[in-house]
Amino acid sequence: MRVKLLLFAALRERLGVAHELLELPEAVLTVGALRLWLCARGPDWAEALGETRTVACALNQHVVGLEAPLGDGAEVAFFPPVTGG
């Protein structure tokens, strides 16, 4: 399955990646599984996206939870939580 990954704000700055196309292993079927798979890329990825980090995610431009299923051609975005005032 192929997905488009988008990273925003501090995540983009920390990892030096704004977007990329990924070919995922068969076992990566949810947004949460993608997050864990990305963490395995190395310490910077694990620090930025690890389970102890608060990270929001969107699937095809809709905010979703980690259990959201991925589909071929999906667009997945990770971004820090937004605060306003």
PDB file of N, CA and C in Angstrom:
ATOM      1  N   MET A   1       0.837  -1.163   0.000  1.00  0.00           N
ATOM      2  CA  MET A   1       0.000   0.000   0.000  1.00  0.00           C
ATOM      3  C   MET A   1       0.891   1.237   0.000  1.00  0.00           C
ATOM      4  N   ARG A   2       0.494   2.215  -0.748  1.00  0.00           N
ATOM      5  CA  ARG A   2       1.242   3.471  -0.832  1.00  0.00           C
ATOM      6  C   ARG A   2       0.407   4.588  -0.217  1.00  0.00           C
ATOM      7  N   VAL A   3       1.055   5.405   0.630  1.00  0.00           N
ATOM      8  CA  VAL A   3       0.392   6.560   1.236  1.00  0.00           C
ATOM      9  C   VAL A   3       1.289   7.783   1.104  1.00  0.00           C
ATOM     10  N   LYS A   4       0.664   8.940   1.178  1.00  0.00           N
ATOM     11  CA  LYS A   4       1.399  10.198   1.187  1.00  0.00           C
ATOM     12  C   LYS A   4       1.467  10.681   2.629  1.00  0.00           C
ATOM     13  N   LEU A   5       2.665  10.912   3.132  1.00  0.00           N
ATOM     14  CA  LEU A   5       2.888  11.394   4.485  1.00  0.00           C
ATOM     15  C   LEU A   5       3.135  12.895   4.448  1.00  0.00           C
ATOM     16  N   LEU A   6       2.448  13.627   5.321  1.00  0.00           N
ATOM     17  CA  LEU A   6       2.661  15.060   5.479  1.00  0.00           C
ATOM     18  C   LEU A   6       3.028  15.330   6.929  1.00  0.00           C
ATOM     19  N   LEU A   7       4.045  16.153   7.140  1.00  0.00           N
ATOM     20  CA  LEU A   7       4.447  16.559   8.480  1.00  0.00           C
ATOM     21  C   LEU A   7       4.374  18.076   8.559  1.00  0.00           C
ATOM     22  N   PHE A   8       3.854  18.585   9.684  1.00  0.00           N
ATOM     23  CA  PHE A   8       3.657  20.020   9.815  1.00  0.00           C
ATOM     24  C   PHE A   8       4.366  20.590  11.036  1.00  0.00           C
ATOM     25  N   ALA A   9       4.621  21.878  10.956  1.00  0.00           N
ATOM     26  CA  ALA A   9       5.131  22.694  12.054  1.00  0.00           C
ATOM     27  C   ALA A   9       6.420  22.106  12.631  1.00  0.00           C
ATOM     28  N   ALA A  10       6.466  21.940  13.951  1.00  0.00           N
ATOM     29  CA  ALA A  10       7.687  21.489  14.624  1.00  0.00           C
ATOM     30  C   ALA A  10       8.123  20.101  14.163  1.00  0.00           C
ATOM     31  N   LEU A  11       7.178  19.252  13.792  1.00  0.00           N
ATOM     32  CA  LEU A  11       7.552  17.911  13.305  1.00  0.00           C
ATOM     33  C   LEU A  11       8.332  18.026  11.996  1.00  0.00           C
ATOM     34  N   ARG A  12       7.845  18.862  11.109  1.00  0.00           N
ATOM     35  CA  ARG A  12       8.534  19.073   9.827  1.00  0.00           C
ATOM     36  C   ARG A  12       9.933  19.637  10.070  1.00  0.00           C
ATOM     37  N   GLU A  13      10.033  20.611  10.961  1.00  0.00           N
ATOM     38  CA  GLU A  13      11.331  21.225  11.242  1.00  0.00           C
ATOM     39  C   GLU A  13      12.299  20.229  11.879  1.00  0.00           C
ATOM     40  N   ARG A  14      11.812  19.461  12.832  1.00  0.00           N
ATOM     41  CA  ARG A  14      12.688  18.508  13.541  1.00  0.00           C
ATOM     42  C   ARG A  14      13.184  17.400  12.619  1.00  0.00           C
ATOM     43  N   LEU A  15      12.296  16.896  11.757  1.00  0.00           N
ATOM     44  CA  LEU A  15      12.642  15.746  10.924  1.00  0.00           C
ATOM     45  C   LEU A  15      13.171  16.133   9.539  1.00  0.00           C
ATOM     46  N   GLY A  16      13.026  17.400   9.172  1.00  0.00           N
ATOM     47  CA  GLY A  16      13.530  17.855   7.884  1.00  0.00           C
ATOM     48  C   GLY A  16      12.773  17.305   6.697  1.00  0.00           C
ATOM     49  N   VAL A  17      11.515  16.928   6.930  1.00  0.00           N
ATOM     50  CA  VAL A  17      10.682  16.352   5.870  1.00  0.00           C
ATOM     51  C   VAL A  17       9.310  17.022   5.909  1.00  0.00           C
ATOM     52  N   ALA A  18       8.866  17.525   4.784  1.00  0.00           N
ATOM     53  CA  ALA A  18       7.519  18.099   4.717  1.00  0.00           C
ATOM     54  C   ALA A  18       6.518  17.063   4.204  1.00  0.00           C
ATOM     55  N   HIS A  19       6.957  16.263   3.245  1.00  0.00           N
ATOM     56  CA  HIS A  19       6.078  15.234   2.684  1.00  0.00           C
ATOM     57  C   HIS A  19       6.917  14.177   1.979  1.00  0.00           C
ATOM     58  N   GLU A  20       6.347  13.000   1.874  1.00  0.00           N
ATOM     59  CA  GLU A  20       6.975  11.927   1.103  1.00  0.00           C
ATOM     60  C   GLU A  20       5.950  10.846   0.802  1.00  0.00           C
ATOM     61  N   LEU A  21       6.204  10.114  -0.253  1.00  0.00           N
ATOM     62  CA  LEU A  21       5.385   8.951  -0.589  1.00  0.00           C
ATOM     63  C   LEU A  21       6.034   7.727   0.028  1.00  0.00           C
ATOM     64  N   LEU A  22       5.222   6.921   0.686  1.00  0.00           N
ATOM     65  CA  LEU A  22       5.729   5.735   1.379  1.00  0.00           C
ATOM     66  C   LEU A  22       5.070   4.482   0.849  1.00  0.00           C
ATOM     67  N   GLU A  23       5.854   3.460   0.655  1.00  0.00           N
ATOM     68  CA  GLU A  23       5.353   2.125   0.352  1.00  0.00           C
ATOM     69  C   GLU A  23       5.375   1.373   1.674  1.00  0.00           C
ATOM     70  N   LEU A  24       4.210   1.021   2.189  1.00  0.00           N
ATOM     71  CA  LEU A  24       4.109   0.436   3.523  1.00  0.00           C
ATOM     72  C   LEU A  24       4.121  -1.087   3.492  1.00  0.00           C
ATOM     73  N   PRO A  25       4.673  -1.694   4.523  1.00  0.00           N
ATOM     74  CA  PRO A  25       4.575  -3.155   4.655  1.00  0.00           C
ATOM     75  C   PRO A  25       3.116  -3.559   4.865  1.00  0.00           C
ATOM     76  N   GLU A  26       2.804  -4.790   4.578  1.00  0.00           N
ATOM     77  CA  GLU A  26       1.424  -5.289   4.695  1.00  0.00           C
ATOM     78  C   GLU A  26       0.853  -5.155   6.098  1.00  0.00           C
ATOM     79  N   ALA A  27       1.692  -5.197   7.111  1.00  0.00           N
ATOM     80  CA  ALA A  27       1.227  -5.156   8.499  1.00  0.00           C
ATOM     81  C   ALA A  27       0.792  -3.756   8.945  1.00  0.00           C
ATOM     82  N   VAL A  28       1.145  -2.726   8.194  1.00  0.00           N
ATOM     83  CA  VAL A  28       0.791  -1.352   8.569  1.00  0.00           C
ATOM     84  C   VAL A  28      -0.581  -1.027   7.972  1.00  0.00           C
ATOM     85  N   LEU A  29      -1.613  -1.169   8.824  1.00  0.00           N
ATOM     86  CA  LEU A  29      -2.988  -1.035   8.344  1.00  0.00           C
ATOM     87  C   LEU A  29      -3.762   0.128   8.954  1.00  0.00           C
ATOM     88  N   THR A  30      -3.197   0.764   9.988  1.00  0.00           N
ATOM     89  CA  THR A  30      -3.883   1.875  10.657  1.00  0.00           C
ATOM     90  C   THR A  30      -2.929   3.061  10.799  1.00  0.00           C
ATOM     91  N   VAL A  31      -3.501   4.200  11.144  1.00  0.00           N
ATOM     92  CA  VAL A  31      -2.687   5.388  11.383  1.00  0.00           C
ATOM     93  C   VAL A  31      -1.722   5.131  12.543  1.00  0.00           C
ATOM     94  N   GLY A  32      -2.186   4.454  13.576  1.00  0.00           N
ATOM     95  CA  GLY A  32      -1.323   4.126  14.714  1.00  0.00           C
ATOM     96  C   GLY A  32      -0.179   3.217  14.331  1.00  0.00           C
ATOM     97  N   ALA A  33      -0.445   2.229  13.495  1.00  0.00           N
ATOM     98  CA  ALA A  33       0.613   1.330  13.035  1.00  0.00           C
ATOM     99  C   ALA A  33       1.625   2.085  12.177  1.00  0.00           C
ATOM    100  N   LEU A  34       1.145   3.035  11.376  1.00  0.00           N
ATOM    101  CA  LEU A  34       2.054   3.878  10.594  1.00  0.00           C
ATOM    102  C   LEU A  34       2.943   4.699  11.516  1.00  0.00           C
ATOM    103  N   ARG A  35       2.356   5.271  12.556  1.00  0.00           N
ATOM    104  CA  ARG A  35       3.135   6.064  13.514  1.00  0.00           C
ATOM    105  C   ARG A  35       4.248   5.218  14.141  1.00  0.00           C
ATOM    106  N   LEU A  36       3.920   4.005  14.570  1.00  0.00           N
ATOM    107  CA  LEU A  36       4.929   3.119  15.151  1.00  0.00           C
ATOM    108  C   LEU A  36       5.995   2.729  14.129  1.00  0.00           C
ATOM    109  N   TRP A  37       5.582   2.470  12.912  1.00  0.00           N
ATOM    110  CA  TRP A  37       6.512   2.112  11.844  1.00  0.00           C
ATOM    111  C   TRP A  37       7.473   3.266  11.579  1.00  0.00           C
ATOM    112  N   LEU A  38       6.957   4.493  11.579  1.00  0.00           N
ATOM    113  CA  LEU A  38       7.810   5.663  11.384  1.00  0.00           C
ATOM    114  C   LEU A  38       8.794   5.827  12.539  1.00  0.00           C
ATOM    115  N   CYS A  39       8.357   5.531  13.754  1.00  0.00           N
ATOM    116  CA  CYS A  39       9.243   5.633  14.923  1.00  0.00           C
ATOM    117  C   CYS A  39      10.451   4.709  14.789  1.00  0.00           C
ATOM    118  N   ALA A  40      10.283   3.598  14.084  1.00  0.00           N
ATOM    119  CA  ALA A  40      11.371   2.643  13.898  1.00  0.00           C
ATOM    120  C   ALA A  40      12.429   3.148  12.917  1.00  0.00           C
ATOM    121  N   ARG A  41      12.196   4.275  12.276  1.00  0.00           N
ATOM    122  CA  ARG A  41      13.173   4.844  11.342  1.00  0.00           C
ATOM    123  C   ARG A  41      14.434   5.339  12.042  1.00  0.00           C
ATOM    124  N   GLY A  42      14.340   5.612  13.330  1.00  0.00           N
ATOM    125  CA  GLY A  42      15.526   6.091  14.036  1.00  0.00           C
ATOM    126  C   GLY A  42      15.155   6.961  15.220  1.00  0.00           C
ATOM    127  N   PRO A  43      16.157   7.368  15.987  1.00  0.00           N
ATOM    128  CA  PRO A  43      15.903   8.102  17.226  1.00  0.00           C
ATOM    129  C   PRO A  43      15.179   9.431  17.027  1.00  0.00           C
ATOM    130  N   ASP A  44      15.481  10.163  15.967  1.00  0.00           N
ATOM    131  CA  ASP A  44      14.781  11.431  15.742  1.00  0.00           C
ATOM    132  C   ASP A  44      13.296  11.198  15.503  1.00  0.00           C
ATOM    133  N   TRP A  45      12.982  10.173  14.720  1.00  0.00           N
ATOM    134  CA  TRP A  45      11.582   9.846  14.446  1.00  0.00           C
ATOM    135  C   TRP A  45      10.881   9.362  15.714  1.00  0.00           C
ATOM    136  N   ALA A  46      11.564   8.537  16.482  1.00  0.00           N
ATOM    137  CA  ALA A  46      10.975   8.023  17.724  1.00  0.00           C
ATOM    138  C   ALA A  46      10.724   9.152  18.713  1.00  0.00           C
ATOM    139  N   GLU A  47      11.643  10.090  18.794  1.00  0.00           N
ATOM    140  CA  GLU A  47      11.468  11.229  19.702  1.00  0.00           C
ATOM    141  C   GLU A  47      10.312  12.118  19.247  1.00  0.00           C
ATOM    142  N   ALA A  48      10.201  12.355  17.963  1.00  0.00           N
ATOM    143  CA  ALA A  48       9.177  13.256  17.436  1.00  0.00           C
ATOM    144  C   ALA A  48       7.774  12.648  17.461  1.00  0.00           C
ATOM    145  N   LEU A  49       7.676  11.351  17.184  1.00  0.00           N
ATOM    146  CA  LEU A  49       6.359  10.713  17.024  1.00  0.00           C
ATOM    147  C   LEU A  49       6.053   9.632  18.057  1.00  0.00           C
ATOM    148  N   GLY A  50       6.946   9.426  19.014  1.00  0.00           N
ATOM    149  CA  GLY A  50       6.779   8.355  19.993  1.00  0.00           C
ATOM    150  C   GLY A  50       5.497   8.457  20.797  1.00  0.00           C
ATOM    151  N   GLU A  51       5.157   7.366  21.442  1.00  0.00           N
ATOM    152  CA  GLU A  51       3.893   7.262  22.183  1.00  0.00           C
ATOM    153  C   GLU A  51       3.762   8.277  23.303  1.00  0.00           C
ATOM    154  N   THR A  52       4.876   8.774  23.821  1.00  0.00           N
ATOM    155  CA  THR A  52       4.801   9.766  24.895  1.00  0.00           C
ATOM    156  C   THR A  52       4.567  11.175  24.359  1.00  0.00           C
ATOM    157  N   ARG A  53       4.616  11.350  23.055  1.00  0.00           N
ATOM    158  CA  ARG A  53       4.409  12.658  22.433  1.00  0.00           C
ATOM    159  C   ARG A  53       2.944  12.855  22.074  1.00  0.00           C
ATOM    160  N   THR A  54       2.452  14.051  22.285  1.00  0.00           N
ATOM    161  CA  THR A  54       1.096  14.385  21.854  1.00  0.00           C
ATOM    162  C   THR A  54       1.181  14.847  20.408  1.00  0.00           C
ATOM    163  N   VAL A  55       0.607  14.054  19.538  1.00  0.00           N
ATOM    164  CA  VAL A  55       0.639  14.333  18.105  1.00  0.00           C
ATOM    165  C   VAL A  55      -0.772  14.117  17.563  1.00  0.00           C
ATOM    166  N   ALA A  56      -1.250  15.086  16.821  1.00  0.00           N
ATOM    167  CA  ALA A  56      -2.556  14.940  16.167  1.00  0.00           C
ATOM    168  C   ALA A  56      -2.326  14.311  14.795  1.00  0.00           C
ATOM    169  N   CYS A  57      -3.363  13.665  14.277  1.00  0.00           N
ATOM    170  CA  CYS A  57      -3.237  13.050  12.961  1.00  0.00           C
ATOM    171  C   CYS A  57      -4.507  13.262  12.156  1.00  0.00           C
ATOM    172  N   ALA A  58      -4.310  13.336  10.863  1.00  0.00           N
ATOM    173  CA  ALA A  58      -5.435  13.483   9.939  1.00  0.00           C
ATOM    174  C   ALA A  58      -5.267  12.456   8.830  1.00  0.00           C
ATOM    175  N   LEU A  59      -6.387  11.958   8.380  1.00  0.00           N
ATOM    176  CA  LEU A  59      -6.431  11.002   7.276  1.00  0.00           C
ATOM    177  C   LEU A  59      -7.325  11.601   6.209  1.00  0.00           C
ATOM    178  N   ASN A  60      -6.755  11.847   5.037  1.00  0.00           N
ATOM    179  CA  ASN A  60      -7.496  12.467   3.943  1.00  0.00           C
ATOM    180  C   ASN A  60      -8.198  13.750   4.392  1.00  0.00           C
ATOM    181  N   GLN A  61      -7.451  14.562   5.149  1.00  0.00           N
ATOM    182  CA  GLN A  61      -7.848  15.891   5.598  1.00  0.00           C
ATOM    183  C   GLN A  61      -8.962  15.896   6.641  1.00  0.00           C
ATOM    184  N   HIS A  62      -9.124  14.785   7.357  1.00  0.00           N
ATOM    185  CA  HIS A  62     -10.074  14.697   8.469  1.00  0.00           C
ATOM    186  C   HIS A  62      -9.318  14.207   9.695  1.00  0.00           C
ATOM    187  N   VAL A  63      -9.457  14.935  10.801  1.00  0.00           N
ATOM    188  CA  VAL A  63      -8.790  14.522  12.034  1.00  0.00           C
ATOM    189  C   VAL A  63      -9.355  13.170  12.461  1.00  0.00           C
ATOM    190  N   VAL A  64      -8.450  12.243  12.788  1.00  0.00           N
ATOM    191  CA  VAL A  64      -8.853  10.877  13.136  1.00  0.00           C
ATOM    192  C   VAL A  64      -8.038  10.396  14.337  1.00  0.00           C
ATOM    193  N   GLY A  65      -8.453   9.287  14.894  1.00  0.00           N
ATOM    194  CA  GLY A  65      -7.706   8.616  15.941  1.00  0.00           C
ATOM    195  C   GLY A  65      -6.729   7.627  15.340  1.00  0.00           C
ATOM    196  N   LEU A  66      -5.901   7.070  16.194  1.00  0.00           N
ATOM    197  CA  LEU A  66      -4.876   6.141  15.736  1.00  0.00           C
ATOM    198  C   LEU A  66      -5.434   4.842  15.172  1.00  0.00           C
ATOM    199  N   GLU A  67      -6.685   4.532  15.504  1.00  0.00           N
ATOM    200  CA  GLU A  67      -7.285   3.286  15.020  1.00  0.00           C
ATOM    201  C   GLU A  67      -7.832   3.398  13.597  1.00  0.00           C
ATOM    202  N   ALA A  68      -7.793   4.576  13.008  1.00  0.00           N
ATOM    203  CA  ALA A  68      -8.334   4.781  11.656  1.00  0.00           C
ATOM    204  C   ALA A  68      -7.604   3.909  10.645  1.00  0.00           C
ATOM    205  N   PRO A  69      -8.358   3.196   9.819  1.00  0.00           N
ATOM    206  CA  PRO A  69      -7.734   2.317   8.824  1.00  0.00           C
ATOM    207  C   PRO A  69      -7.175   3.097   7.637  1.00  0.00           C
ATOM    208  N   LEU A  70      -6.033   2.663   7.164  1.00  0.00           N
ATOM    209  CA  LEU A  70      -5.414   3.252   5.983  1.00  0.00           C
ATOM    210  C   LEU A  70      -5.928   2.573   4.725  1.00  0.00           C
ATOM    211  N   GLY A  71      -5.870   3.289   3.640  1.00  0.00           N
ATOM    212  CA  GLY A  71      -6.198   2.721   2.339  1.00  0.00           C
ATOM    213  C   GLY A  71      -5.147   3.161   1.337  1.00  0.00           C
ATOM    214  N   ASP A  72      -5.033   2.418   0.255  1.00  0.00           N
ATOM    215  CA  ASP A  72      -4.058   2.758  -0.771  1.00  0.00           C
ATOM    216  C   ASP A  72      -4.340   4.165  -1.297  1.00  0.00           C
ATOM    217  N   GLY A  73      -3.302   4.970  -1.382  1.00  0.00           N
ATOM    218  CA  GLY A  73      -3.442   6.334  -1.880  1.00  0.00           C
ATOM    219  C   GLY A  73      -3.857   7.343  -0.824  1.00  0.00           C
ATOM    220  N   ALA A  74      -3.952   6.915   0.418  1.00  0.00           N
ATOM    221  CA  ALA A  74      -4.376   7.816   1.494  1.00  0.00           C
ATOM    222  C   ALA A  74      -3.329   8.896   1.741  1.00  0.00           C
ATOM    223  N   GLU A  75      -3.802  10.012   2.262  1.00  0.00           N
ATOM    224  CA  GLU A  75      -2.932  11.094   2.700  1.00  0.00           C
ATOM    225  C   GLU A  75      -2.996  11.144   4.222  1.00  0.00           C
ATOM    226  N   VAL A  76      -1.842  10.998   4.876  1.00  0.00           N
ATOM    227  CA  VAL A  76      -1.784  10.986   6.334  1.00  0.00           C
ATOM    228  C   VAL A  76      -0.919  12.147   6.787  1.00  0.00           C
ATOM    229  N   ALA A  77      -1.467  12.953   7.684  1.00  0.00           N
ATOM    230  CA  ALA A  77      -0.729  14.099   8.205  1.00  0.00           C
ATOM    231  C   ALA A  77      -0.555  13.951   9.706  1.00  0.00           C
ATOM    232  N   PHE A  78       0.629  14.299  10.178  1.00  0.00           N
ATOM    233  CA  PHE A  78       0.909  14.362  11.613  1.00  0.00           C
ATOM    234  C   PHE A  78       1.294  15.794  11.939  1.00  0.00           C
ATOM    235  N   PHE A  79       0.769  16.313  13.044  1.00  0.00           N
ATOM    236  CA  PHE A  79       1.063  17.685  13.425  1.00  0.00           C
ATOM    237  C   PHE A  79       0.919  17.838  14.932  1.00  0.00           C
ATOM    238  N   PRO A  80       1.660  18.797  15.491  1.00  0.00           N
ATOM    239  CA  PRO A  80       1.538  19.034  16.924  1.00  0.00           C
ATOM    240  C   PRO A  80       0.144  19.586  17.227  1.00  0.00           C
ATOM    241  N   PRO A  81      -0.335  19.387  18.446  1.00  0.00           N
ATOM    242  CA  PRO A  81      -1.644  19.937  18.787  1.00  0.00           C
ATOM    243  C   PRO A  81      -1.607  21.469  18.676  1.00  0.00           C
ATOM    244  N   VAL A  82      -2.730  22.016  18.300  1.00  0.00           N
ATOM    245  CA  VAL A  82      -2.837  23.457  18.098  1.00  0.00           C
ATOM    246  C   VAL A  82      -3.518  24.076  19.308  1.00  0.00           C
ATOM    247  N   THR A  83      -2.955  25.173  19.779  1.00  0.00           N
ATOM    248  CA  THR A  83      -3.606  25.923  20.847  1.00  0.00           C
ATOM    249  C   THR A  83      -3.971  27.290  20.313  1.00  0.00           C
ATOM    250  N   GLY A  84      -4.982  27.827  20.838  1.00  0.00           N
ATOM    251  CA  GLY A  84      -5.406  29.154  20.381  1.00  0.00           C
ATOM    252  C   GLY A  84      -5.842  29.995  21.554  1.00  0.00           C
ATOM    253  N   GLY A  85      -6.100  31.218  21.265  1.00  0.00           N
ATOM    254  CA  GLY A  85      -6.513  32.072  22.358  1.00  0.00           C
ATOM    255  C   GLY A  85      -7.207  33.297  21.893  1.00  0.00           C
TER     256      GLY A  85
END
